[in-house]
Amino acid sequence: MSKTDSPEFSSAGIQRAYDAHFAKVDPAARPGWAFIGCDEAKLSTATVGIIGLNPGGEDVPGQASWHCPQYELAYLDEPWGPNGTLNPLQVQIKSMLEILNVAPRDVFAAQLVPFRSRSWMKLHDRDAALSTFLPFWSHILEHGSPRLWISLGKAAGRRLAQLDDPGLRADVRTVDWGKQTAELFQISGGRAVLALPHLSRFRLFEPARPNAVAALLAAAEQAGLSPGANVGADRPLTTLPCR
């Protein structure tokens, strides 16, 4: 997919939105932004998409990251744990993809809202930010190749499903973690959205919780996914930050 498909679906489009959103904030105090956690080109080849609500962690003033061509998938190729290890979220994502039998090369990843904040509740004017980027995601749903979308946190998955059909009702699945549930949506074109509790907090796939695995496999079946290649052997890691 070419960035020219939509005039605003571009790095320049996000930068303009970012500058407008934080116009009253000292540039040195702005949090930075990061959108796609892999090569942009995978939007037209991937079978699975991972969507987060927005980038977390410490502010990175001056960060403007449209995509990460240096990584196959930043969630796995850029260790966020101590001493070059994967952090708990990354361990969960790695295990989730292994359960799906999907290779990182077949996964697209991006943030619903690319503006960074330590938590969603601390994002400056988050409702306005969300309104700004819902058209981006309408564009992605229309043009992107993923059959199955998996959200890290249920809010992002719900928003994505509602973009396809505001009246969609979820198939609610238990995940063997107290009252926590997953929500499975069938969207147009035989695709599916699985809205998960955020895997940084709820460790559903390592160790594997049977009902969480069942929900994941049901979503894959609903999306018509066929088995792919297993996650490959460890690859040399690059050092350019993309988080």
Protein backbone atom coordinates (compact mmCIF):
# COMPACT_ATOMS: atom_id res chain seq x y z
CA MET A 1 0.00 0.00 0.00
CA SER A 2 1.29 3.42 -0.90
CA LYS A 3 1.19 6.28 1.55
CA THR A 4 -0.29 8.34 -1.30
CA ASP A 5 -3.57 6.37 -1.00
CA SER A 6 -4.66 8.94 1.59
CA PRO A 7 -3.03 12.39 1.86
CA GLU A 8 -3.02 12.24 5.65
CA PHE A 9 -1.91 8.62 5.97
CA SER A 10 1.76 9.51 6.17
CA SER A 11 4.53 10.51 8.53
CA ALA A 12 3.93 14.12 7.55
CA GLY A 13 0.23 13.70 8.34
CA ILE A 14 0.98 12.45 11.84
CA GLN A 15 3.56 15.17 12.41
CA ARG A 16 1.05 17.86 11.49
CA ALA A 17 -1.52 16.33 13.84
CA TYR A 18 1.11 16.04 16.58
CA ASP A 19 2.21 19.67 16.22
CA ALA A 20 -1.41 20.84 16.35
CA HIS A 21 -2.31 18.60 19.29
CA PHE A 22 0.64 19.77 21.40
CA ALA A 23 0.71 23.35 20.11
CA LYS A 24 0.47 24.76 23.64
CA VAL A 25 3.12 22.42 25.05
CA ASP A 26 6.79 23.39 25.10
CA PRO A 27 8.45 21.36 22.30
CA ALA A 28 11.06 20.14 24.79
CA ALA A 29 8.27 18.70 26.94
CA ARG A 30 6.33 16.95 24.18
CA PRO A 31 6.22 13.15 24.52
CA GLY A 32 7.13 12.04 20.99
CA TRP A 33 5.21 9.69 18.73
CA ALA A 34 5.58 6.22 17.22
CA PHE A 35 3.05 4.58 14.90
CA ILE A 36 4.04 1.33 13.12
CA GLY A 37 6.15 -1.30 14.88
CA CYS A 38 7.47 -2.97 11.72
CA ASP A 39 8.00 -2.08 8.07
CA GLU A 40 5.04 -0.16 6.64
CA ALA A 41 5.03 -2.48 3.62
CA LYS A 42 3.73 -5.34 5.77
CA LEU A 43 0.32 -3.69 5.87
CA SER A 44 -0.26 -5.20 2.43
CA THR A 45 1.23 -8.65 3.17
CA ALA A 46 0.57 -9.52 6.85
CA THR A 47 -2.12 -11.98 7.89
CA VAL A 48 -2.23 -10.87 11.55
CA GLY A 49 -2.33 -7.33 12.93
CA ILE A 50 -1.53 -6.25 16.48
CA ILE A 51 -2.98 -2.94 17.67
CA GLY A 52 -2.07 -1.11 20.86
CA LEU A 53 -3.89 1.88 22.31
CA ASN A 54 -0.85 4.20 22.30
CA PRO A 55 2.90 3.94 22.98
CA GLY A 56 3.72 3.85 26.67
CA GLY A 57 6.85 4.31 28.71
CA GLU A 58 8.97 7.37 29.23
CA ASP A 59 8.58 10.46 27.05
CA VAL A 60 10.93 10.63 24.07
CA PRO A 61 10.92 14.33 23.06
CA GLY A 62 11.64 14.69 19.38
CA GLN A 63 10.72 11.09 18.54
CA ALA A 64 8.85 10.86 15.24
CA SER A 65 8.71 7.22 14.17
CA TRP A 66 6.40 6.41 11.25
CA HIS A 67 7.56 2.81 10.90
CA CYS A 68 10.43 0.45 11.80
CA PRO A 69 11.97 -0.99 8.63
CA GLN A 70 14.99 -2.15 10.63
CA TYR A 71 12.83 -4.74 12.42
CA GLU A 72 10.74 -7.67 11.33
CA LEU A 73 8.57 -6.98 14.39
CA ALA A 74 9.67 -4.52 17.07
CA TYR A 75 7.72 -6.39 19.75
CA LEU A 76 10.21 -9.25 19.36
CA ASP A 77 13.31 -7.70 17.80
CA GLU A 78 13.83 -4.79 20.21
CA PRO A 79 14.27 -6.20 23.72
CA TRP A 80 12.67 -3.98 26.34
CA GLY A 81 13.69 -6.05 29.36
CA PRO A 82 16.91 -5.89 31.40
CA ASN A 83 20.20 -6.94 29.83
CA GLY A 84 18.82 -7.43 26.34
CA THR A 85 15.93 -9.70 27.33
CA LEU A 86 12.28 -9.61 26.33
CA ASN A 87 9.99 -7.95 28.86
CA PRO A 88 6.78 -9.67 30.09
CA LEU A 89 4.62 -8.16 27.32
CA GLN A 90 7.05 -9.33 24.66
CA VAL A 91 7.16 -12.84 26.14
CA GLN A 92 3.36 -12.99 25.91
CA ILE A 93 3.33 -11.80 22.30
CA LYS A 94 6.01 -14.32 21.33
CA SER A 95 4.01 -17.15 22.90
CA MET A 96 0.77 -15.92 21.34
CA LEU A 97 2.28 -16.00 17.85
CA GLU A 98 3.72 -19.46 18.48
CA ILE A 99 0.24 -20.70 19.46
CA LEU A 100 -1.14 -19.21 16.24
CA ASN A 101 1.77 -20.74 14.31
CA VAL A 102 2.31 -17.34 12.68
CA ALA A 103 5.78 -16.02 11.93
CA PRO A 104 6.75 -12.43 12.86
CA ARG A 105 7.23 -11.67 9.15
CA ASP A 106 3.47 -12.15 8.75
CA VAL A 107 2.50 -9.70 11.51
CA PHE A 108 1.76 -5.98 11.19
CA ALA A 109 1.75 -3.88 14.38
CA ALA A 110 0.72 -0.29 15.07
CA GLN A 111 -0.81 2.01 17.68
CA LEU A 112 -4.39 3.28 17.57
CA VAL A 113 -3.07 6.69 18.68
CA PRO A 114 0.66 7.21 18.04
CA PHE A 115 1.17 9.91 20.68
CA ARG A 116 3.24 8.62 23.59
CA SER A 117 2.17 8.82 27.24
CA ARG A 118 2.97 6.92 30.42
CA SER A 119 -0.64 5.77 30.51
CA TRP A 120 -3.71 6.36 28.37
CA MET A 121 -5.28 8.43 31.14
CA LYS A 122 -2.26 10.76 31.14
CA LEU A 123 -2.39 11.46 27.40
CA HIS A 124 -3.04 15.15 26.74
CA ASP A 125 -6.63 15.60 25.40
CA ARG A 126 -6.98 11.90 24.60
CA ASP A 127 -10.51 12.22 23.16
CA ALA A 128 -9.29 14.68 20.54
CA ALA A 129 -6.30 12.47 19.78
CA LEU A 130 -8.56 9.47 19.29
CA SER A 131 -10.86 11.41 16.96
CA THR A 132 -7.85 12.46 14.92
CA PHE A 133 -6.65 8.91 14.29
CA LEU A 134 -9.85 6.95 13.78
CA PRO A 135 -9.78 7.93 10.07
CA PHE A 136 -6.26 6.47 9.86
CA TRP A 137 -7.64 3.19 11.08
CA SER A 138 -10.61 3.28 8.73
CA HIS A 139 -8.00 3.57 5.98
CA ILE A 140 -6.04 0.63 7.39
CA LEU A 141 -9.14 -1.56 7.65
CA GLU A 142 -10.10 -0.73 4.08
CA HIS A 143 -6.67 -1.28 2.52
CA GLY A 144 -4.78 -3.58 4.88
CA SER A 145 -4.25 -7.32 4.41
CA PRO A 146 -4.53 -8.68 8.01
CA ARG A 147 -7.31 -11.22 8.47
CA LEU A 148 -7.07 -11.24 12.24
CA TRP A 149 -6.57 -8.15 14.40
CA ILE A 150 -5.52 -8.64 18.02
CA SER A 151 -5.63 -5.72 20.43
CA LEU A 152 -3.46 -5.20 23.49
CA GLY A 153 -6.17 -3.94 25.81
CA LYS A 154 -9.83 -4.29 24.91
CA ALA A 155 -10.46 -0.59 24.23
CA ALA A 156 -8.40 -0.56 21.02
CA GLY A 157 -10.07 -3.71 19.69
CA ARG A 158 -13.54 -2.41 20.42
CA ARG A 159 -12.78 0.84 18.59
CA LEU A 160 -11.43 -1.05 15.60
CA ALA A 161 -14.48 -3.31 15.37
CA GLN A 162 -16.84 -0.35 15.71
CA LEU A 163 -15.13 1.38 12.80
CA ASP A 164 -16.23 -1.55 10.65
CA ASP A 165 -19.76 -1.68 12.10
CA PRO A 166 -20.87 0.50 15.05
CA GLY A 167 -23.55 -2.04 15.96
CA LEU A 168 -21.30 -5.09 16.26
CA ARG A 169 -21.80 -7.24 19.33
CA ALA A 170 -18.94 -9.18 20.86
CA ASP A 171 -18.70 -12.90 21.47
CA VAL A 172 -17.41 -12.72 25.06
CA ARG A 173 -14.93 -15.44 26.07
CA THR A 174 -13.49 -16.31 29.45
CA VAL A 175 -9.68 -16.33 29.65
CA ASP A 176 -9.09 -18.12 32.98
CA TRP A 177 -8.12 -14.93 34.79
CA GLY A 178 -10.81 -14.01 37.31
CA LYS A 179 -13.51 -11.87 35.74
CA GLN A 180 -11.34 -10.89 32.79
CA THR A 181 -12.67 -11.74 29.34
CA ALA A 182 -11.71 -11.52 25.69
CA GLU A 183 -14.12 -10.10 23.12
CA LEU A 184 -14.31 -11.60 19.64
CA PHE A 185 -15.84 -9.59 16.78
CA GLN A 186 -16.58 -10.83 13.26
CA ILE A 187 -16.01 -7.93 10.89
CA SER A 188 -16.55 -7.54 7.15
CA GLY A 189 -14.74 -9.67 4.62
CA GLY A 190 -14.61 -12.69 6.91
CA ARG A 191 -12.07 -10.99 9.16
CA ALA A 192 -11.98 -10.98 12.96
CA VAL A 193 -10.95 -8.71 15.82
CA LEU A 194 -9.91 -10.24 19.15
CA ALA A 195 -9.90 -7.66 21.95
CA LEU A 196 -7.69 -8.97 24.76
CA PRO A 197 -6.95 -7.75 28.27
CA HIS A 198 -3.56 -6.05 28.03
CA LEU A 199 -0.88 -8.72 27.95
CA SER A 200 1.59 -6.60 29.90
CA ARG A 201 -0.58 -7.22 32.97
CA PHE A 202 -2.55 -10.36 32.16
CA ARG A 203 -0.21 -13.21 31.24
CA LEU A 204 -2.58 -15.35 29.22
CA PHE A 205 -0.25 -17.27 26.92
CA GLU A 206 2.92 -17.92 28.95
CA PRO A 207 2.02 -19.97 30.85
CA ALA A 208 -0.86 -20.82 28.53
CA ARG A 209 -4.34 -20.53 30.01
CA PRO A 210 -6.63 -22.98 28.21
CA ASN A 211 -9.62 -20.70 27.68
CA ALA A 212 -7.40 -17.82 26.53
CA VAL A 213 -5.81 -20.16 23.99
CA ALA A 214 -9.27 -21.36 22.93
CA ALA A 215 -10.40 -17.76 22.36
CA LEU A 216 -7.27 -17.05 20.32
CA LEU A 217 -7.73 -20.13 18.14
CA ALA A 218 -11.45 -19.38 17.70
CA ALA A 219 -10.54 -15.92 16.44
CA ALA A 220 -8.02 -17.41 14.01
CA GLU A 221 -10.60 -19.89 12.73
CA GLN A 222 -13.17 -17.12 12.35
CA ALA A 223 -10.64 -15.13 10.31
CA GLY A 224 -9.97 -18.11 8.05
CA LEU A 225 -6.30 -18.35 8.93
CA SER A 226 -4.40 -21.43 7.84
CA PRO A 227 -1.25 -22.57 9.67
CA GLY A 228 1.88 -20.60 8.83
CA ALA A 229 5.53 -21.04 9.66
CA ASN A 230 6.65 -21.26 13.26
CA VAL A 231 8.55 -18.36 14.75
CA GLY A 232 12.06 -18.71 13.39
CA ALA A 233 15.36 -18.98 15.16
CA ASP A 234 16.73 -15.98 16.98
CA ARG A 235 18.11 -13.33 14.64
CA PRO A 236 20.80 -10.70 15.23
CA LEU A 237 19.25 -7.64 16.85
CA THR A 238 19.69 -4.10 15.62
CA THR A 239 19.94 -1.20 18.03
CA LEU A 240 17.83 1.55 16.48
CA PRO A 241 14.99 2.33 18.92
CA CYS A 242 11.43 1.97 17.69
CA ARG A 243 9.42 1.57 20.86
